[in-house]
C-alpha atoms as a PDB file:
ATOM      1  CA  MET A   1      18.303 270.809  74.232  1.00  0.00           C
ATOM      2  CA  GLY A   2      16.513 273.739  76.058  1.00  0.00           C
ATOM      3  CA  GLU A   3      20.043 274.212  77.807  1.00  0.00           C
ATOM      4  CA  LEU A   4      22.051 274.777  74.018  1.00  0.00           C
ATOM      5  CA  ILE A   5      19.233 277.027  73.200  1.00  0.00           C
ATOM      6  CA  LEU A   6      19.707 279.024  76.721  1.00  0.00           C
ATOM      7  CA  LEU A   7      23.632 278.865  76.106  1.00  0.00           C
ATOM      8  CA  LEU A   8      23.305 280.298  72.933  1.00  0.00           C
ATOM      9  CA  VAL A   9      20.894 282.855  73.565  1.00  0.00           C
ATOM     10  CA  GLY A  10      23.174 284.280  76.559  1.00  0.00           C
ATOM     11  CA  ALA A  11      26.361 284.008  74.571  1.00  0.00           C
ATOM     12  CA  ALA A  12      24.963 286.466  71.788  1.00  0.00           C
ATOM     13  CA  LEU A  13      22.626 288.892  73.779  1.00  0.00           C
ATOM     14  CA  VAL A  14      23.224 288.788  77.702  1.00  0.00           C
ATOM     15  CA  ASN A  15      26.833 288.302  77.635  1.00  0.00           C
ATOM     16  CA  ASN A  16      27.591 289.952  74.802  1.00  0.00           C
ATOM     17  CA  VAL A  17      31.233 290.048  74.197  1.00  0.00           C
ATOM     18  CA  ILE A  18      31.384 293.156  72.505  1.00  0.00           C
ATOM     19  CA  LEU A  19      28.776 295.029  74.952  1.00  0.00           C
ATOM     20  CA  SER A  20      28.799 293.198  78.189  1.00  0.00           C
ATOM     21  CA  GLN A  21      32.555 291.804  78.478  1.00  0.00           C
ATOM     22  CA  PHE A  22      34.572 294.958  75.857  1.00  0.00           C
ATOM     23  CA  LEU A  23      36.128 292.274  74.210  1.00  0.00           C
ATOM     24  CA  GLY A  24      37.126 293.103  70.424  1.00  0.00           C
ATOM     25  CA  LEU A  25      36.033 296.162  70.308  1.00  0.00           C
ATOM     26  CA  CYS A  26      39.104 297.419  67.723  1.00  0.00           C
ATOM     27  CA  PRO A  27      37.232 296.246  64.968  1.00  0.00           C
ATOM     28  CA  PHE A  28      33.951 297.563  66.125  1.00  0.00           C
ATOM     29  CA  LEU A  29      34.681 301.041  66.515  1.00  0.00           C
ATOM     30  CA  GLY A  30      37.174 300.465  63.131  1.00  0.00           C
ATOM     31  CA  VAL A  31      34.740 298.517  60.758  1.00  0.00           C
ATOM     32  CA  SER A  32      31.291 299.949  61.960  1.00  0.00           C
ATOM     33  CA  ARG A  33      30.922 302.472  59.151  1.00  0.00           C
ATOM     34  CA  ARG A  34      29.518 300.655  56.867  1.00  0.00           C
ATOM     35  CA  VAL A  35      26.624 297.908  57.271  1.00  0.00           C
ATOM     36  CA  GLU A  36      27.703 295.620  54.188  1.00  0.00           C
ATOM     37  CA  THR A  37      31.639 296.089  56.051  1.00  0.00           C
ATOM     38  CA  ALA A  38      30.227 295.337  59.243  1.00  0.00           C
ATOM     39  CA  ALA A  39      28.176 292.304  57.739  1.00  0.00           C
ATOM     40  CA  GLY A  40      31.179 290.670  55.931  1.00  0.00           C
ATOM     41  CA  MET A  41      33.641 291.082  59.252  1.00  0.00           C
ATOM     42  CA  GLY A  42      30.699 290.049  61.507  1.00  0.00           C
ATOM     43  CA  ALA A  43      30.564 286.769  59.041  1.00  0.00           C
ATOM     44  CA  ALA A  44      33.765 286.294  58.871  1.00  0.00           C
ATOM     45  CA  VAL A  45      34.260 286.472  62.672  1.00  0.00           C
ATOM     46  CA  ILE A  46      31.375 283.752  63.008  1.00  0.00           C
ATOM     47  CA  PHE A  47      33.312 281.641  61.188  1.00  0.00           C
ATOM     48  CA  VAL A  48      36.910 281.944  62.693  1.00  0.00           C
ATOM     49  CA  ILE A  49      35.194 281.898  65.949  1.00  0.00           C
ATOM     50  CA  THR A  50      33.073 278.749  65.658  1.00  0.00           C
ATOM     51  CA  ILE A  51      35.035 276.596  63.987  1.00  0.00           C
ATOM     52  CA  ALA A  52      38.047 277.869  66.163  1.00  0.00           C
ATOM     53  CA  SER A  53      35.800 276.872  69.575  1.00  0.00           C
ATOM     54  CA  ALA A  54      35.555 273.157  67.904  1.00  0.00           C
ATOM     55  CA  VAL A  55      39.358 273.037  66.883  1.00  0.00           C
ATOM     56  CA  CYS A  56      40.541 274.577  70.174  1.00  0.00           C
ATOM     57  CA  SER A  57      38.445 271.889  72.527  1.00  0.00           C
ATOM     58  CA  ALA A  58      39.114 269.358  70.061  1.00  0.00           C
ATOM     59  CA  ILE A  59      43.057 269.786  70.275  1.00  0.00           C
ATOM     60  CA  TYR A  60      42.657 270.029  74.345  1.00  0.00           C
ATOM     61  CA  LEU A  61      40.872 266.965  74.719  1.00  0.00           C
ATOM     62  CA  LEU A  62      42.585 264.877  72.332  1.00  0.00           C
ATOM     63  CA  ILE A  63      46.118 266.323  72.840  1.00  0.00           C
ATOM     64  CA  LEU A  64      46.787 269.078  75.280  1.00  0.00           C
ATOM     65  CA  GLU A  65      44.935 267.539  77.817  1.00  0.00           C
ATOM     66  CA  PRO A  66      46.019 264.198  77.868  1.00  0.00           C
ATOM     67  CA  ALA A  67      49.501 264.824  77.466  1.00  0.00           C
ATOM     68  CA  HIS A  68      49.318 267.453  80.934  1.00  0.00           C
ATOM     69  CA  LEU A  69      50.104 270.193  78.336  1.00  0.00           C
ATOM     70  CA  THR A  70      47.318 272.077  79.200  1.00  0.00           C
ATOM     71  CA  TYR A  71      49.603 274.882  80.185  1.00  0.00           C
ATOM     72  CA  LEU A  72      50.371 275.584  76.165  1.00  0.00           C
ATOM     73  CA  ASN A  73      46.672 276.654  75.636  1.00  0.00           C
ATOM     74  CA  THR A  74      47.129 280.189  75.081  1.00  0.00           C
ATOM     75  CA  ILE A  75      50.217 279.295  72.192  1.00  0.00           C
ATOM     76  CA  VAL A  76      48.149 276.252  70.352  1.00  0.00           C
ATOM     77  CA  PHE A  77      45.185 278.338  70.150  1.00  0.00           C
ATOM     78  CA  ILE A  78      47.115 281.554  68.776  1.00  0.00           C
ATOM     79  CA  LEU A  79      47.742 279.134  65.759  1.00  0.00           C
ATOM     80  CA  VAL A  80      44.839 277.800  65.124  1.00  0.00           C
ATOM     81  CA  ILE A  81      43.451 280.751  65.287  1.00  0.00           C
ATOM     82  CA  ALA A  82      45.881 282.263  63.355  1.00  0.00           C
ATOM     83  CA  ALA A  83      45.056 279.596  60.360  1.00  0.00           C
ATOM     84  CA  LEU A  84      41.753 279.886  59.980  1.00  0.00           C
ATOM     85  CA  VAL A  85      41.952 283.882  59.989  1.00  0.00           C
ATOM     86  CA  GLN A  86      44.170 282.872  57.124  1.00  0.00           C
ATOM     87  CA  LEU A  87      42.185 280.638  55.452  1.00  0.00           C
ATOM     88  CA  VAL A  88      38.992 283.045  55.418  1.00  0.00           C
ATOM     89  CA  GLU A  89      41.480 285.815  54.385  1.00  0.00           C
ATOM     90  CA  MET A  90      42.409 283.449  51.184  1.00  0.00           C
ATOM     91  CA  ILE A  91      39.077 283.147  50.232  1.00  0.00           C
ATOM     92  CA  LEU A  92      37.607 285.912  50.774  1.00  0.00           C
ATOM     93  CA  LYS A  93      40.602 287.348  48.365  1.00  0.00           C
ATOM     94  CA  LYS A  94      39.497 284.903  45.724  1.00  0.00           C
ATOM     95  CA  MET A  95      35.997 285.173  46.359  1.00  0.00           C
ATOM     96  CA  MET A  96      34.697 288.851  47.435  1.00  0.00           C
ATOM     97  CA  LYS A  97      37.541 290.846  46.544  1.00  0.00           C
ATOM     98  CA  SER A  98      35.586 294.166  47.316  1.00  0.00           C
ATOM     99  CA  LEU A  99      34.555 292.944  50.664  1.00  0.00           C
ATOM    100  CA  TYR A 100      38.329 291.758  50.837  1.00  0.00           C
ATOM    101  CA  ASN A 101      39.630 295.566  50.170  1.00  0.00           C
ATOM    102  CA  ALA A 102      36.508 297.126  52.507  1.00  0.00           C
ATOM    103  CA  LEU A 103      37.860 295.068  55.696  1.00  0.00           C
ATOM    104  CA  GLY A 104      41.653 296.344  55.103  1.00  0.00           C
ATOM    105  CA  ILE A 105      43.817 295.498  58.146  1.00  0.00           C
ATOM    106  CA  TYR A 106      40.803 294.313  60.235  1.00  0.00           C
ATOM    107  CA  LEU A 107      40.786 291.085  58.670  1.00  0.00           C
ATOM    108  CA  PRO A 108      44.411 289.885  59.645  1.00  0.00           C
ATOM    109  CA  LEU A 109      43.781 291.501  62.889  1.00  0.00           C
ATOM    110  CA  ILE A 110      41.002 288.512  63.896  1.00  0.00           C
ATOM    111  CA  THR A 111      43.910 286.830  64.639  1.00  0.00           C
ATOM    112  CA  THR A 112      44.648 288.894  67.587  1.00  0.00           C
ATOM    113  CA  ASN A 113      41.396 290.039  68.174  1.00  0.00           C
ATOM    114  CA  CYS A 114      40.951 289.177  72.486  1.00  0.00           C
ATOM    115  CA  ALA A 115      37.433 288.100  71.605  1.00  0.00           C
ATOM    116  CA  VAL A 116      38.542 285.011  69.512  1.00  0.00           C
ATOM    117  CA  LEU A 117      40.601 284.093  71.683  1.00  0.00           C
ATOM    118  CA  GLY A 118      39.038 284.794  74.863  1.00  0.00           C
ATOM    119  CA  VAL A 119      36.227 282.402  73.523  1.00  0.00           C
ATOM    120  CA  ALA A 120      38.634 279.925  72.742  1.00  0.00           C
ATOM    121  CA  LEU A 121      40.048 279.866  76.289  1.00  0.00           C
ATOM    122  CA  LEU A 122      37.230 280.231  78.014  1.00  0.00           C
ATOM    123  CA  ASN A 123      35.164 277.165  76.574  1.00  0.00           C
ATOM    124  CA  VAL A 124      38.437 275.046  77.505  1.00  0.00           C
ATOM    125  CA  GLN A 125      38.403 276.617  81.493  1.00  0.00           C
ATOM    126  CA  LYS A 126      34.482 276.733  81.447  1.00  0.00           C
ATOM    127  CA  TYR A 127      33.682 273.484  79.903  1.00  0.00           C
ATOM    128  CA  ALA A 128      36.452 271.492  80.879  1.00  0.00           C
ATOM    129  CA  ASP A 129      34.318 269.127  83.496  1.00  0.00           C
ATOM    130  CA  TYR A 130      32.170 267.867  80.499  1.00  0.00           C
ATOM    131  CA  THR A 131      33.070 264.792  79.376  1.00  0.00           C
ATOM    132  CA  GLY A 132      34.247 264.336  75.295  1.00  0.00           C
ATOM    133  CA  GLY A 133      31.336 265.083  73.210  1.00  0.00           C
ATOM    134  CA  LYS A 134      29.440 266.896  75.278  1.00  0.00           C
ATOM    135  CA  MET A 135      32.126 269.530  75.668  1.00  0.00           C
ATOM    136  CA  MET A 136      32.303 270.187  72.061  1.00  0.00           C
ATOM    137  CA  VAL A 137      28.841 270.831  71.599  1.00  0.00           C
ATOM    138  CA  PHE A 138      28.763 273.618  74.466  1.00  0.00           C
ATOM    139  CA  SER A 139      31.829 274.837  73.123  1.00  0.00           C
ATOM    140  CA  ILE A 140      30.691 275.036  69.712  1.00  0.00           C
ATOM    141  CA  VAL A 141      27.102 276.450  70.658  1.00  0.00           C
ATOM    142  CA  ASN A 142      29.209 278.837  72.737  1.00  0.00           C
ATOM    143  CA  GLY A 143      30.806 280.095  70.277  1.00  0.00           C
ATOM    144  CA  LEU A 144      28.393 280.389  67.463  1.00  0.00           C
ATOM    145  CA  GLY A 145      26.667 282.494  70.535  1.00  0.00           C
ATOM    146  CA  THR A 146      29.315 285.152  70.851  1.00  0.00           C
ATOM    147  CA  SER A 147      30.275 285.100  67.340  1.00  0.00           C
ATOM    148  CA  ALA A 148      26.439 285.704  66.610  1.00  0.00           C
ATOM    149  CA  GLY A 149      26.700 288.191  69.405  1.00  0.00           C
ATOM    150  CA  PHE A 150      30.032 289.944  67.893  1.00  0.00           C
ATOM    151  CA  CYS A 151      27.835 290.179  64.302  1.00  0.00           C
ATOM    152  CA  ILE A 152      24.958 291.593  66.021  1.00  0.00           C
ATOM    153  CA  ALA A 153      26.257 294.423  68.120  1.00  0.00           C
ATOM    154  CA  ILE A 154      29.040 295.533  64.831  1.00  0.00           C
ATOM    155  CA  VAL A 155      25.848 295.994  62.325  1.00  0.00           C
ATOM    156  CA  LEU A 156      23.499 297.924  64.846  1.00  0.00           C
ATOM    157  CA  MET A 157      26.725 299.710  65.147  1.00  0.00           C
ATOM    158  CA  ALA A 158      27.185 300.268  61.359  1.00  0.00           C
ATOM    159  CA  GLY A 159      23.292 301.261  61.225  1.00  0.00           C
ATOM    160  CA  ILE A 160      23.664 303.697  63.774  1.00  0.00           C
ATOM    161  CA  ARG A 161      26.758 305.210  62.486  1.00  0.00           C
ATOM    162  CA  GLU A 162      25.267 305.614  59.036  1.00  0.00           C
ATOM    163  CA  ARG A 163      22.536 307.055  60.031  1.00  0.00           C
ATOM    164  CA  ILE A 164      24.004 309.874  62.500  1.00  0.00           C
ATOM    165  CA  GLU A 165      26.440 310.630  59.614  1.00  0.00           C
ATOM    166  CA  ASN A 166      25.044 313.530  58.100  1.00  0.00           C
ATOM    167  CA  ASN A 167      23.479 314.641  61.528  1.00  0.00           C
ATOM    168  CA  ASP A 168      23.978 318.218  62.655  1.00  0.00           C
ATOM    169  CA  ILE A 169      26.452 317.364  65.915  1.00  0.00           C
ATOM    170  CA  THR A 170      28.571 319.350  67.464  1.00  0.00           C
ATOM    171  CA  SER A 171      31.976 319.854  66.664  1.00  0.00           C
ATOM    172  CA  SER A 172      33.166 318.465  70.111  1.00  0.00           C
ATOM    173  CA  PHE A 173      31.140 315.571  69.620  1.00  0.00           C
ATOM    174  CA  ARG A 174      32.089 314.493  65.377  1.00  0.00           C
ATOM    175  CA  GLY A 175      33.880 311.229  64.974  1.00  0.00           C
ATOM    176  CA  GLN A 176      34.903 308.972  67.182  1.00  0.00           C
ATOM    177  CA  PRO A 177      33.441 310.929  70.004  1.00  0.00           C
ATOM    178  CA  ILE A 178      29.832 310.490  69.245  1.00  0.00           C
ATOM    179  CA  VAL A 179      31.226 306.859  68.150  1.00  0.00           C
ATOM    180  CA  LEU A 180      31.814 306.020  72.076  1.00  0.00           C
ATOM    181  CA  VAL A 181      28.469 307.952  73.103  1.00  0.00           C
ATOM    182  CA  THR A 182      26.869 305.635  70.896  1.00  0.00           C
ATOM    183  CA  ALA A 183      28.517 302.540  72.104  1.00  0.00           C
ATOM    184  CA  GLY A 184      28.394 303.165  75.514  1.00  0.00           C
ATOM    185  CA  LEU A 185      23.991 303.787  75.399  1.00  0.00           C
ATOM    186  CA  MET A 186      24.252 300.076  73.580  1.00  0.00           C
ATOM    187  CA  ALA A 187      25.863 298.981  76.301  1.00  0.00           C
ATOM    188  CA  ILE A 188      23.661 300.132  78.576  1.00  0.00           C
ATOM    189  CA  ALA A 189      20.821 298.845  76.690  1.00  0.00           C
ATOM    190  CA  PHE A 190      22.197 295.238  76.389  1.00  0.00           C
ATOM    191  CA  CYS A 191      22.372 295.440  80.282  1.00  0.00           C
ATOM    192  CA  GLY A 192      18.478 295.207  79.647  1.00  0.00           C
ATOM    193  CA  PHE A 193      19.009 291.427  78.799  1.00  0.00           C
ATOM    194  CA  ALA A 194      20.867 290.371  82.067  1.00  0.00           C
ATOM    195  CA  GLY A 195      18.320 292.267  83.941  1.00  0.00           C
ATOM    196  CA  VAL A 196      20.391 295.387  84.723  1.00  0.00           C
ATOM    197  CA  ILE A 197      17.920 298.381  85.147  1.00  0.00           C
END
């Protein structure tokens, strides 16, 4: 149990998918204008990555590995992720129309978000030596931790962007430059979780 908690915290904070591994920067920079929108995107990513981790690990264990078709990992995982994103999109369109409209083009882009695919591929590579159920548990916990880290980073960035929106910023730093400087400073702060000073 302690190993799973360490994995969860490590995936969320120490090896943060955005601020340490620099995956999934497109929605991080594009959707982080408002906290509500960022939280919605974070929740959608948590759902997609966690479920994709479970489904992709199951497909890998039960179909691809026994049939010696592991070279099809990427193609199969992209199809699974695309199906999950479509499910999320339909749910949001039906139940939360305002969030669906606020996320706009970034919601379908979860399908091509390298963080989502990266986690699914990393899970089967990193935990391939684990047997059956143990691989599934570790994959799901890693997916949950990674997606929680994504949500933490995007919500923090949105909060900071809301605070600095009305500040007096020199013209050369307005817009994306200040966002990139802020992201860099956040990445440096998250290095502290890994013990890098």
